[in-house]
Amino acid sequence: MQYQVFIQSQSEQSFIASVVGMPNLTVEGRTETEAIALAKAALESQLATGKFVTIEVDPILQPIRTVPEMKYAGIFADDPTFDDFMEKLAVIRKQANAAEDG
């Protein structure tokens, strides 16, 4: 398997290596190469004592978060007068803004 390792230079003699996607798997080395080697060893050690499993979750049991306003989404999709309405609305807004400024 391949894993991505994020390397971050702390100074010229200190490099931090974190294995992406593996929480709490961060090591420090004196060189970038050493930090990568330490990250590989730590990952191998962690994988030797655990395993990845795949679980399935029943979507019916998951709470459905609804946004009440979404019931109105797309109601004007086939309305041929909607573009005209939006243009008129833009004119009204422009006039209202001009009246506020003037």
PDB file of N, CA and C in Angstrom:
ATOM      1  N   MET A   1       0.837  -1.180   0.000  1.00  0.00           N
ATOM      2  CA  MET A   1       0.000   0.000   0.000  1.00  0.00           C
ATOM      3  C   MET A   1       0.878   1.238   0.000  1.00  0.00           C
ATOM      4  N   GLN A   2       0.339   2.316  -0.526  1.00  0.00           N
ATOM      5  CA  GLN A   2       1.061   3.577  -0.541  1.00  0.00           C
ATOM      6  C   GLN A   2       0.339   4.580   0.353  1.00  0.00           C
ATOM      7  N   TYR A   3       1.106   5.368   1.052  1.00  0.00           N
ATOM      8  CA  TYR A   3       0.573   6.407   1.924  1.00  0.00           C
ATOM      9  C   TYR A   3       1.281   7.708   1.610  1.00  0.00           C
ATOM     10  N   GLN A   4       0.573   8.799   1.756  1.00  0.00           N
ATOM     11  CA  GLN A   4       1.195  10.105   1.577  1.00  0.00           C
ATOM     12  C   GLN A   4       1.736  10.571   2.919  1.00  0.00           C
ATOM     13  N   VAL A   5       2.914  11.181   2.865  1.00  0.00           N
ATOM     14  CA  VAL A   5       3.542  11.715   4.061  1.00  0.00           C
ATOM     15  C   VAL A   5       3.772  13.199   3.827  1.00  0.00           C
ATOM     16  N   PHE A   6       3.300  14.002   4.772  1.00  0.00           N
ATOM     17  CA  PHE A   6       3.489  15.448   4.698  1.00  0.00           C
ATOM     18  C   PHE A   6       4.738  15.796   5.489  1.00  0.00           C
ATOM     19  N   ILE A   7       5.709  16.395   4.818  1.00  0.00           N
ATOM     20  CA  ILE A   7       6.981  16.774   5.439  1.00  0.00           C
ATOM     21  C   ILE A   7       6.988  18.277   5.669  1.00  0.00           C
ATOM     22  N   GLN A   8       7.379  18.664   6.863  1.00  0.00           N
ATOM     23  CA  GLN A   8       7.431  20.083   7.196  1.00  0.00           C
ATOM     24  C   GLN A   8       8.769  20.378   7.868  1.00  0.00           C
ATOM     25  N   SER A   9       9.492  21.360   7.342  1.00  0.00           N
ATOM     26  CA  SER A   9      10.781  21.746   7.896  1.00  0.00           C
ATOM     27  C   SER A   9      10.555  22.668   9.085  1.00  0.00           C
ATOM     28  N   GLN A  10      11.080  22.283  10.235  1.00  0.00           N
ATOM     29  CA  GLN A  10      11.005  23.117  11.429  1.00  0.00           C
ATOM     30  C   GLN A  10      12.234  24.019  11.522  1.00  0.00           C
ATOM     31  N   SER A  11      13.364  23.498  11.065  1.00  0.00           N
ATOM     32  CA  SER A  11      14.622  24.233  11.009  1.00  0.00           C
ATOM     33  C   SER A  11      15.520  23.439  10.066  1.00  0.00           C
ATOM     34  N   GLU A  12      16.777  23.841   9.948  1.00  0.00           N
ATOM     35  CA  GLU A  12      17.684  23.113   9.059  1.00  0.00           C
ATOM     36  C   GLU A  12      17.978  21.715   9.573  1.00  0.00           C
ATOM     37  N   GLN A  13      17.757  21.467  10.848  1.00  0.00           N
ATOM     38  CA  GLN A  13      18.075  20.164  11.424  1.00  0.00           C
ATOM     39  C   GLN A  13      16.865  19.522  12.100  1.00  0.00           C
ATOM     40  N   SER A  14      15.660  19.894  11.684  1.00  0.00           N
ATOM     41  CA  SER A  14      14.470  19.317  12.280  1.00  0.00           C
ATOM     42  C   SER A  14      13.352  19.268  11.240  1.00  0.00           C
ATOM     43  N   PHE A  15      12.884  18.052  10.973  1.00  0.00           N
ATOM     44  CA  PHE A  15      11.806  17.853  10.007  1.00  0.00           C
ATOM     45  C   PHE A  15      10.702  17.036  10.660  1.00  0.00           C
ATOM     46  N   ILE A  16       9.472  17.465  10.451  1.00  0.00           N
ATOM     47  CA  ILE A  16       8.302  16.765  10.962  1.00  0.00           C
ATOM     48  C   ILE A  16       7.670  16.017   9.793  1.00  0.00           C
ATOM     49  N   ALA A  17       7.342  14.752   9.995  1.00  0.00           N
ATOM     50  CA  ALA A  17       6.674  13.945   8.977  1.00  0.00           C
ATOM     51  C   ALA A  17       5.374  13.415   9.562  1.00  0.00           C
ATOM     52  N   SER A  18       4.270  13.671   8.866  1.00  0.00           N
ATOM     53  CA  SER A  18       2.959  13.201   9.296  1.00  0.00           C
ATOM     54  C   SER A  18       2.358  12.337   8.199  1.00  0.00           C
ATOM     55  N   VAL A  19       1.853  11.171   8.568  1.00  0.00           N
ATOM     56  CA  VAL A  19       1.203  10.301   7.597  1.00  0.00           C
ATOM     57  C   VAL A  19      -0.229  10.802   7.413  1.00  0.00           C
ATOM     58  N   VAL A  20      -0.542  11.189   6.191  1.00  0.00           N
ATOM     59  CA  VAL A  20      -1.854  11.747   5.881  1.00  0.00           C
ATOM     60  C   VAL A  20      -2.930  10.684   6.087  1.00  0.00           C
ATOM     61  N   GLY A  21      -3.979  11.050   6.797  1.00  0.00           N
ATOM     62  CA  GLY A  21      -5.094  10.143   7.013  1.00  0.00           C
ATOM     63  C   GLY A  21      -4.933   9.232   8.214  1.00  0.00           C
ATOM     64  N   MET A  22      -3.800   9.319   8.897  1.00  0.00           N
ATOM     65  CA  MET A  22      -3.570   8.494  10.081  1.00  0.00           C
ATOM     66  C   MET A  22      -3.393   9.431  11.274  1.00  0.00           C
ATOM     67  N   PRO A  23      -4.430   9.596  12.058  1.00  0.00           N
ATOM     68  CA  PRO A  23      -4.328  10.519  13.184  1.00  0.00           C
ATOM     69  C   PRO A  23      -3.245  10.102  14.173  1.00  0.00           C
ATOM     70  N   ASN A  24      -2.596  11.074  14.727  1.00  0.00           N
ATOM     71  CA  ASN A  24      -1.555  10.864  15.749  1.00  0.00           C
ATOM     72  C   ASN A  24      -0.342  10.107  15.227  1.00  0.00           C
ATOM     73  N   LEU A  25      -0.092  10.149  13.938  1.00  0.00           N
ATOM     74  CA  LEU A  25       1.104   9.494  13.406  1.00  0.00           C
ATOM     75  C   LEU A  25       2.014  10.585  12.842  1.00  0.00           C
ATOM     76  N   THR A  26       2.756  11.203  13.742  1.00  0.00           N
ATOM     77  CA  THR A  26       3.685  12.272  13.400  1.00  0.00           C
ATOM     78  C   THR A  26       5.014  11.990  14.078  1.00  0.00           C
ATOM     79  N   VAL A  27       6.086  12.133  13.312  1.00  0.00           N
ATOM     80  CA  VAL A  27       7.428  11.879  13.853  1.00  0.00           C
ATOM     81  C   VAL A  27       8.334  13.052  13.514  1.00  0.00           C
ATOM     82  N   GLU A  28       9.492  13.109  14.173  1.00  0.00           N
ATOM     83  CA  GLU A  28      10.456  14.170  13.922  1.00  0.00           C
ATOM     84  C   GLU A  28      11.820  13.553  13.664  1.00  0.00           C
ATOM     85  N   GLY A  29      12.518  14.067  12.643  1.00  0.00           N
ATOM     86  CA  GLY A  29      13.853  13.594  12.318  1.00  0.00           C
ATOM     87  C   GLY A  29      14.796  14.750  12.086  1.00  0.00           C
ATOM     88  N   ARG A  30      16.101  14.443  12.097  1.00  0.00           N
ATOM     89  CA  ARG A  30      17.100  15.495  11.884  1.00  0.00           C
ATOM     90  C   ARG A  30      17.200  15.891  10.411  1.00  0.00           C
ATOM     91  N   THR A  31      16.832  14.970   9.513  1.00  0.00           N
ATOM     92  CA  THR A  31      16.834  15.260   8.076  1.00  0.00           C
ATOM     93  C   THR A  31      15.481  14.837   7.513  1.00  0.00           C
ATOM     94  N   GLU A  32      15.207  15.280   6.312  1.00  0.00           N
ATOM     95  CA  GLU A  32      13.962  14.890   5.654  1.00  0.00           C
ATOM     96  C   GLU A  32      13.931  13.374   5.446  1.00  0.00           C
ATOM     97  N   THR A  33      15.046  12.809   5.035  1.00  0.00           N
ATOM     98  CA  THR A  33      15.134  11.368   4.802  1.00  0.00           C
ATOM     99  C   THR A  33      14.894  10.592   6.093  1.00  0.00           C
ATOM    100  N   GLU A  34      15.492  11.063   7.183  1.00  0.00           N
ATOM    101  CA  GLU A  34      15.298  10.386   8.464  1.00  0.00           C
ATOM    102  C   GLU A  34      13.832  10.488   8.909  1.00  0.00           C
ATOM    103  N   ALA A  35      13.231  11.639   8.733  1.00  0.00           N
ATOM    104  CA  ALA A  35      11.833  11.820   9.126  1.00  0.00           C
ATOM    105  C   ALA A  35      10.925  10.881   8.327  1.00  0.00           C
ATOM    106  N   ILE A  36      11.196  10.725   7.038  1.00  0.00           N
ATOM    107  CA  ILE A  36      10.402   9.814   6.204  1.00  0.00           C
ATOM    108  C   ILE A  36      10.592   8.373   6.665  1.00  0.00           C
ATOM    109  N   ALA A  37      11.828   7.988   6.947  1.00  0.00           N
ATOM    110  CA  ALA A  37      12.102   6.625   7.417  1.00  0.00           C
ATOM    111  C   ALA A  37      11.408   6.353   8.753  1.00  0.00           C
ATOM    112  N   LEU A  38      11.440   7.329   9.650  1.00  0.00           N
ATOM    113  CA  LEU A  38      10.772   7.170  10.945  1.00  0.00           C
ATOM    114  C   LEU A  38       9.253   7.076  10.779  1.00  0.00           C
ATOM    115  N   ALA A  39       8.704   7.856   9.848  1.00  0.00           N
ATOM    116  CA  ALA A  39       7.265   7.799   9.583  1.00  0.00           C
ATOM    117  C   ALA A  39       6.888   6.429   9.035  1.00  0.00           C
ATOM    118  N   LYS A  40       7.720   5.903   8.146  1.00  0.00           N
ATOM    119  CA  LYS A  40       7.456   4.567   7.579  1.00  0.00           C
ATOM    120  C   LYS A  40       7.497   3.511   8.675  1.00  0.00           C
ATOM    121  N   ALA A  41       8.486   3.577   9.531  1.00  0.00           N
ATOM    122  CA  ALA A  41       8.606   2.597  10.621  1.00  0.00           C
ATOM    123  C   ALA A  41       7.419   2.702  11.575  1.00  0.00           C
ATOM    124  N   ALA A  42       7.009   3.926  11.905  1.00  0.00           N
ATOM    125  CA  ALA A  42       5.877   4.112  12.815  1.00  0.00           C
ATOM    126  C   ALA A  42       4.581   3.609  12.189  1.00  0.00           C
ATOM    127  N   LEU A  43       4.413   3.847  10.899  1.00  0.00           N
ATOM    128  CA  LEU A  43       3.222   3.369  10.204  1.00  0.00           C
ATOM    129  C   LEU A  43       3.198   1.846  10.153  1.00  0.00           C
ATOM    130  N   GLU A  44       4.343   1.248   9.827  1.00  0.00           N
ATOM    131  CA  GLU A  44       4.418  -0.219   9.788  1.00  0.00           C
ATOM    132  C   GLU A  44       4.107  -0.813  11.154  1.00  0.00           C
ATOM    133  N   SER A  45       4.603  -0.188  12.203  1.00  0.00           N
ATOM    134  CA  SER A  45       4.336  -0.655  13.557  1.00  0.00           C
ATOM    135  C   SER A  45       2.850  -0.561  13.888  1.00  0.00           C
ATOM    136  N   GLN A  46       2.257   0.558  13.509  1.00  0.00           N
ATOM    137  CA  GLN A  46       0.835   0.743  13.798  1.00  0.00           C
ATOM    138  C   GLN A  46      -0.013  -0.247  12.995  1.00  0.00           C
ATOM    139  N   LEU A  47       0.333  -0.467  11.734  1.00  0.00           N
ATOM    140  CA  LEU A  47      -0.425  -1.401  10.902  1.00  0.00           C
ATOM    141  C   LEU A  47      -0.267  -2.843  11.375  1.00  0.00           C
ATOM    142  N   ALA A  48       0.862  -3.154  11.998  1.00  0.00           N
ATOM    143  CA  ALA A  48       1.097  -4.511  12.480  1.00  0.00           C
ATOM    144  C   ALA A  48       0.203  -4.860  13.666  1.00  0.00           C
ATOM    145  N   THR A  49      -0.269  -3.845  14.363  1.00  0.00           N
ATOM    146  CA  THR A  49      -1.084  -4.106  15.554  1.00  0.00           C
ATOM    147  C   THR A  49      -2.564  -3.787  15.348  1.00  0.00           C
ATOM    148  N   GLY A  50      -2.932  -3.426  14.150  1.00  0.00           N
ATOM    149  CA  GLY A  50      -4.331  -3.094  13.868  1.00  0.00           C
ATOM    150  C   GLY A  50      -4.669  -3.470  12.441  1.00  0.00           C
ATOM    151  N   LYS A  51      -5.867  -3.149  12.027  1.00  0.00           N
ATOM    152  CA  LYS A  51      -6.270  -3.444  10.658  1.00  0.00           C
ATOM    153  C   LYS A  51      -7.366  -2.481  10.224  1.00  0.00           C
ATOM    154  N   PHE A  52      -7.516  -2.366   8.927  1.00  0.00           N
ATOM    155  CA  PHE A  52      -8.588  -1.569   8.351  1.00  0.00           C
ATOM    156  C   PHE A  52      -9.771  -2.490   8.099  1.00  0.00           C
ATOM    157  N   VAL A  53     -10.947  -2.015   8.416  1.00  0.00           N
ATOM    158  CA  VAL A  53     -12.164  -2.764   8.108  1.00  0.00           C
ATOM    159  C   VAL A  53     -13.130  -1.816   7.410  1.00  0.00           C
ATOM    160  N   THR A  54     -14.018  -2.381   6.644  1.00  0.00           N
ATOM    161  CA  THR A  54     -15.038  -1.599   5.963  1.00  0.00           C
ATOM    162  C   THR A  54     -16.366  -1.895   6.631  1.00  0.00           C
ATOM    163  N   ILE A  55     -17.093  -0.845   6.949  1.00  0.00           N
ATOM    164  CA  ILE A  55     -18.406  -1.026   7.553  1.00  0.00           C
ATOM    165  C   ILE A  55     -19.456  -0.399   6.652  1.00  0.00           C
ATOM    166  N   GLU A  56     -20.665  -0.864   6.782  1.00  0.00           N
ATOM    167  CA  GLU A  56     -21.771  -0.308   6.015  1.00  0.00           C
ATOM    168  C   GLU A  56     -22.778   0.255   7.002  1.00  0.00           C
ATOM    169  N   VAL A  57     -23.280   1.432   6.684  1.00  0.00           N
ATOM    170  CA  VAL A  57     -24.250   2.090   7.544  1.00  0.00           C
ATOM    171  C   VAL A  57     -25.568   2.169   6.793  1.00  0.00           C
ATOM    172  N   ASP A  58     -26.644   1.787   7.452  1.00  0.00           N
ATOM    173  CA  ASP A  58     -27.966   1.828   6.852  1.00  0.00           C
ATOM    174  C   ASP A  58     -28.388   3.288   6.702  1.00  0.00           C
ATOM    175  N   PRO A  59     -28.584   3.758   5.465  1.00  0.00           N
ATOM    176  CA  PRO A  59     -28.915   5.178   5.276  1.00  0.00           C
ATOM    177  C   PRO A  59     -30.262   5.555   5.883  1.00  0.00           C
ATOM    178  N   ILE A  60     -31.138   4.611   6.082  1.00  0.00           N
ATOM    179  CA  ILE A  60     -32.444   4.908   6.663  1.00  0.00           C
ATOM    180  C   ILE A  60     -32.290   5.349   8.118  1.00  0.00           C
ATOM    181  N   LEU A  61     -31.290   4.822   8.803  1.00  0.00           N
ATOM    182  CA  LEU A  61     -31.090   5.150  10.199  1.00  0.00           C
ATOM    183  C   LEU A  61     -30.386   6.478  10.410  1.00  0.00           C
ATOM    184  N   GLN A  62     -29.774   7.014   9.359  1.00  0.00           N
ATOM    185  CA  GLN A  62     -29.074   8.274   9.479  1.00  0.00           C
ATOM    186  C   GLN A  62     -30.082   9.422   9.455  1.00  0.00           C
ATOM    187  N   PRO A  63     -29.916  10.401  10.327  1.00  0.00           N
ATOM    188  CA  PRO A  63     -30.864  11.521  10.327  1.00  0.00           C
ATOM    189  C   PRO A  63     -30.768  12.304   9.025  1.00  0.00           C
ATOM    190  N   ILE A  64     -31.898  12.668   8.502  1.00  0.00           N
ATOM    191  CA  ILE A  64     -31.940  13.446   7.269  1.00  0.00           C
ATOM    192  C   ILE A  64     -32.087  14.913   7.655  1.00  0.00           C
ATOM    193  N   ARG A  65     -31.119  15.685   7.234  1.00  0.00           N
ATOM    194  CA  ARG A  65     -31.139  17.117   7.538  1.00  0.00           C
ATOM    195  C   ARG A  65     -31.735  17.833   6.342  1.00  0.00           C
ATOM    196  N   THR A  66     -32.854  18.444   6.535  1.00  0.00           N
ATOM    197  CA  THR A  66     -33.508  19.146   5.441  1.00  0.00           C
ATOM    198  C   THR A  66     -33.447  20.647   5.677  1.00  0.00           C
ATOM    199  N   VAL A  67     -33.445  21.351   4.589  1.00  0.00           N
ATOM    200  CA  VAL A  67     -33.486  22.807   4.620  1.00  0.00           C
ATOM    201  C   VAL A  67     -34.859  23.192   4.095  1.00  0.00           C
ATOM    202  N   PRO A  68     -35.704  23.776   4.927  1.00  0.00           N
ATOM    203  CA  PRO A  68     -37.080  24.062   4.518  1.00  0.00           C
ATOM    204  C   PRO A  68     -37.188  24.836   3.206  1.00  0.00           C
ATOM    205  N   GLU A  69     -36.263  25.766   2.980  1.00  0.00           N
ATOM    206  CA  GLU A  69     -36.332  26.585   1.776  1.00  0.00           C
ATOM    207  C   GLU A  69     -36.106  25.776   0.491  1.00  0.00           C
ATOM    208  N   MET A  70     -35.486  24.607   0.604  1.00  0.00           N
ATOM    209  CA  MET A  70     -35.181  23.810  -0.588  1.00  0.00           C
ATOM    210  C   MET A  70     -36.433  23.318  -1.301  1.00  0.00           C
ATOM    211  N   LYS A  71     -37.573  23.308  -0.619  1.00  0.00           N
ATOM    212  CA  LYS A  71     -38.789  22.861  -1.300  1.00  0.00           C
ATOM    213  C   LYS A  71     -39.171  23.827  -2.425  1.00  0.00           C
ATOM    214  N   TYR A  72     -38.603  25.047  -2.390  1.00  0.00           N
ATOM    215  CA  TYR A  72     -38.882  26.031  -3.431  1.00  0.00           C
ATOM    216  C   TYR A  72     -37.833  26.031  -4.545  1.00  0.00           C
ATOM    217  N   ALA A  73     -36.777  25.275  -4.385  1.00  0.00           N
ATOM    218  CA  ALA A  73     -35.695  25.262  -5.376  1.00  0.00           C
ATOM    219  C   ALA A  73     -36.213  24.744  -6.714  1.00  0.00           C
ATOM    220  N   GLY A  74     -35.994  25.511  -7.749  1.00  0.00           N
ATOM    221  CA  GLY A  74     -36.338  25.085  -9.098  1.00  0.00           C
ATOM    222  C   GLY A  74     -37.786  25.258  -9.494  1.00  0.00           C
ATOM    223  N   ILE A  75     -38.606  25.910  -8.671  1.00  0.00           N
ATOM    224  CA  ILE A  75     -40.027  26.000  -9.027  1.00  0.00           C
ATOM    225  C   ILE A  75     -40.270  26.881 -10.254  1.00  0.00           C
ATOM    226  N   PHE A  76     -39.306  27.748 -10.586  1.00  0.00           N
ATOM    227  CA  PHE A  76     -39.467  28.605 -11.750  1.00  0.00           C
ATOM    228  C   PHE A  76     -38.647  28.103 -12.951  1.00  0.00           C
ATOM    229  N   ALA A  77     -38.144  26.891 -12.891  1.00  0.00           N
ATOM    230  CA  ALA A  77     -37.261  26.377 -13.941  1.00  0.00           C
ATOM    231  C   ALA A  77     -37.916  26.397 -15.315  1.00  0.00           C
ATOM    232  N   ASP A  78     -39.197  26.119 -15.407  1.00  0.00           N
ATOM    233  CA  ASP A  78     -39.881  26.069 -16.705  1.00  0.00           C
ATOM    234  C   ASP A  78     -40.797  27.270 -16.945  1.00  0.00           C
ATOM    235  N   ASP A  79     -40.646  28.305 -16.135  1.00  0.00           N
ATOM    236  CA  ASP A  79     -41.491  29.487 -16.264  1.00  0.00           C
ATOM    237  C   ASP A  79     -40.867  30.441 -17.286  1.00  0.00           C
ATOM    238  N   PRO A  80     -41.526  30.643 -18.443  1.00  0.00           N
ATOM    239  CA  PRO A  80     -40.938  31.504 -19.475  1.00  0.00           C
ATOM    240  C   PRO A  80     -40.910  32.979 -19.097  1.00  0.00           C
ATOM    241  N   THR A  81     -41.637  33.387 -18.066  1.00  0.00           N
ATOM    242  CA  THR A  81     -41.663  34.800 -17.673  1.00  0.00           C
ATOM    243  C   THR A  81     -40.660  35.126 -16.572  1.00  0.00           C
ATOM    244  N   PHE A  82     -39.938  34.113 -16.082  1.00  0.00           N
ATOM    245  CA  PHE A  82     -39.050  34.329 -14.943  1.00  0.00           C
ATOM    246  C   PHE A  82     -37.913  35.301 -15.262  1.00  0.00           C
ATOM    247  N   ASP A  83     -37.301  35.179 -16.441  1.00  0.00           N
ATOM    248  CA  ASP A  83     -36.203  36.082 -16.804  1.00  0.00           C
ATOM    249  C   ASP A  83     -36.682  37.537 -16.865  1.00  0.00           C
ATOM    250  N   ASP A  84     -37.884  37.755 -17.427  1.00  0.00           N
ATOM    251  CA  ASP A  84     -38.448  39.107 -17.469  1.00  0.00           C
ATOM    252  C   ASP A  84     -38.662  39.633 -16.047  1.00  0.00           C
ATOM    253  N   PHE A  85     -39.183  38.787 -15.185  1.00  0.00           N
ATOM    254  CA  PHE A  85     -39.414  39.164 -13.788  1.00  0.00           C
ATOM    255  C   PHE A  85     -38.107  39.582 -13.120  1.00  0.00           C
ATOM    256  N   MET A  86     -37.051  38.802 -13.326  1.00  0.00           N
ATOM    257  CA  MET A  86     -35.758  39.113 -12.713  1.00  0.00           C
ATOM    258  C   MET A  86     -35.196  40.429 -13.236  1.00  0.00           C
ATOM    259  N   GLU A  87     -35.377  40.710 -14.534  1.00  0.00           N
ATOM    260  CA  GLU A  87     -34.909  41.976 -15.099  1.00  0.00           C
ATOM    261  C   GLU A  87     -35.659  43.152 -14.477  1.00  0.00           C
ATOM    262  N   LYS A  88     -36.971  43.023 -14.339  1.00  0.00           N
ATOM    263  CA  LYS A  88     -37.778  44.082 -13.723  1.00  0.00           C
ATOM    264  C   LYS A  88     -37.397  44.269 -12.256  1.00  0.00           C
ATOM    265  N   LEU A  89     -37.138  43.185 -11.565  1.00  0.00           N
ATOM    266  CA  LEU A  89     -36.717  43.249 -10.171  1.00  0.00           C
ATOM    267  C   LEU A  89     -35.388  43.982 -10.042  1.00  0.00           C
ATOM    268  N   ALA A  90     -34.466  43.735 -10.963  1.00  0.00           N
ATOM    269  CA  ALA A  90     -33.166  44.412 -10.944  1.00  0.00           C
ATOM    270  C   ALA A  90     -33.341  45.919 -11.120  1.00  0.00           C
ATOM    271  N   VAL A  91     -34.259  46.331 -11.994  1.00  0.00           N
ATOM    272  CA  VAL A  91     -34.523  47.752 -12.211  1.00  0.00           C
ATOM    273  C   VAL A  91     -35.093  48.376 -10.938  1.00  0.00           C
ATOM    274  N   ILE A  92     -36.045  47.676 -10.303  1.00  0.00           N
ATOM    275  CA  ILE A  92     -36.643  48.180  -9.066  1.00  0.00           C
ATOM    276  C   ILE A  92     -35.589  48.326  -7.979  1.00  0.00           C
ATOM    277  N   ARG A  93     -34.715  47.344  -7.857  1.00  0.00           N
ATOM    278  CA  ARG A  93     -33.647  47.422  -6.842  1.00  0.00           C
ATOM    279  C   ARG A  93     -32.695  48.583  -7.121  1.00  0.00           C
ATOM    280  N   LYS A  94     -32.375  48.766  -8.399  1.00  0.00           N
ATOM    281  CA  LYS A  94     -31.468  49.848  -8.773  1.00  0.00           C
ATOM    282  C   LYS A  94     -32.093  51.205  -8.427  1.00  0.00           C
ATOM    283  N   GLN A  95     -33.385  51.346  -8.702  1.00  0.00           N
ATOM    284  CA  GLN A  95     -34.081  52.584  -8.374  1.00  0.00           C
ATOM    285  C   GLN A  95     -34.137  52.801  -6.862  1.00  0.00           C
ATOM    286  N   ALA A  96     -34.395  51.748  -6.122  1.00  0.00           N
ATOM    287  CA  ALA A  96     -34.462  51.857  -4.660  1.00  0.00           C
ATOM    288  C   ALA A  96     -33.101  52.251  -4.098  1.00  0.00           C
ATOM    289  N   ASN A  97     -32.034  51.668  -4.616  1.00  0.00           N
ATOM    290  CA  ASN A  97     -30.694  52.015  -4.150  1.00  0.00           C
ATOM    291  C   ASN A  97     -30.349  53.471  -4.478  1.00  0.00           C
ATOM    292  N   ALA A  98     -30.752  53.927  -5.659  1.00  0.00           N
ATOM    293  CA  ALA A  98     -30.495  55.308  -6.063  1.00  0.00           C
ATOM    294  C   ALA A  98     -31.268  56.274  -5.169  1.00  0.00           C
ATOM    295  N   ALA A  99     -32.496  55.902  -4.798  1.00  0.00           N
ATOM    296  CA  ALA A  99     -33.300  56.752  -3.922  1.00  0.00           C
ATOM    297  C   ALA A  99     -32.669  56.841  -2.524  1.00  0.00           C
ATOM    298  N   GLU A 100     -32.092  55.735  -2.045  1.00  0.00           N
ATOM    299  CA  GLU A 100     -31.441  55.740  -0.722  1.00  0.00           C
ATOM    300  C   GLU A 100     -30.192  56.615  -0.729  1.00  0.00           C
ATOM    301  N   ASP A 101     -29.453  56.566  -1.849  1.00  0.00           N
ATOM    302  CA  ASP A 101     -28.199  57.320  -1.948  1.00  0.00           C
ATOM    303  C   ASP A 101     -28.456  58.818  -2.209  1.00  0.00           C
ATOM    304  N   GLY A 102     -29.598  59.140  -2.816  1.00  0.00           N
ATOM    305  CA  GLY A 102     -29.815  60.503  -3.247  1.00  0.00           C
ATOM    306  C   GLY A 102     -30.572  61.303  -2.308  1.00  0.00           C
TER     307      GLY A 102
END
